Amino acid sequence: MRWTTLLSTSQEVTVPWTGGHRVCGRGRRWRIAGATPTEVGWHRFSVSGGRQARWLGPAEPVEGYEQGRVTRRGYALGDRLVPDEAGVHPDPARAFAQSERLWLAPVGLERFARVLAARSDDGREVFVRQEFPMGPEPEVQAAWEDGLEHIDHIPGVSPALELCFRWLVHQRRLAQERAARLAAEREARARRERLRGLLGDGARRRVMAMEDFDAAARAALAVSGAELLDHRPGTEGFDTVVRFRFGHRRFECVVETGTLRILDAGICLEDHTTGERGDRRFTLESLPAVIDEATRSGVLHVYRAA
């Protein structure tokens, strides 16, 4: 037979395809010409004496694929294989370092399922079948379902099985923490939205001041175009010292926390005829306007250093 005839003679092979434009089988490697499979799995290819293969379609796994190949037994952990020779480590994240990618495992494998994998021609661990449990797997499954974090009370647990359990507990804890964080963020967003609705008028801002003084003070000052810089508790227990910027200057005043009413304006508001101080006639919303008028009139006197 001529060599050109050998090259043109095609045959069909069924091999595991894990992505890319090459397939391996029978100790050979072919490049896929034309379309590639739509998803990883077992597929049929037409190959010839050359180095090209053409995809024919999906196929059932080859029975006895593990024969003559390097095999490993262990536990399926998602799409990872934790081999029986793995050891327990205090850090559950080390489970990943002791595992390998498990290719073509069917969807829906039970937790703590024992599996057999065979090494493909391109060196990947390919799922062959599910194996019988060693014995303690049902108890470990029950411990997981009961939310336990340790399985020291279960006899006969292999290091590989305990490593899988620890990894799953670790992942569950991370998921719970993430869920709690997201819930807190949603609650905070809802609270901010609710408080934002209280910014519309003075009465609502005073309601908000008891829950979020910073937001209430910032909104009150913004009414007159002032900017909140800082605030701190006062000395009386019911007051707050507020620092703000207005007209390119810094000011400091003291307000009643729950009402935003001025207790000490930080500027002179005394009626020199009667000696009466006018601080309490104003609020955090109106104080910047008073400062503006005093500045324009040339009578602004600041006595609280800001």
Foldseek 3Di string as FASTA:
>chain_A
DDVVVQQPDKDKDKAWDQDDQWTDDPLAIAGEDDDDDPHTGIFMWIHGPDRYIYTDGHDDDDPPPQPPFDKFKAFDQPQKGQGLPDAADPDLVCSVVRIFGEPPDDPDDDHRWMFMWTQDSVGHTYTDGTDDDPPCVVVLVVCVVVLHQDDPVGPPQGRRSRSSSNNVNVVVVVVVVVVVVVVVVVVVVVVVVVLVVLLPDQVSLLVCLVVPVVVSLQSLLVLVPKGWDDKDDDDPRQKIWTWIDDPNDIAIFIARRNRQFTPGLQWAQADVVVRDRDRRVDGSNCSNVVQVVCVVVVNTGGDDDD
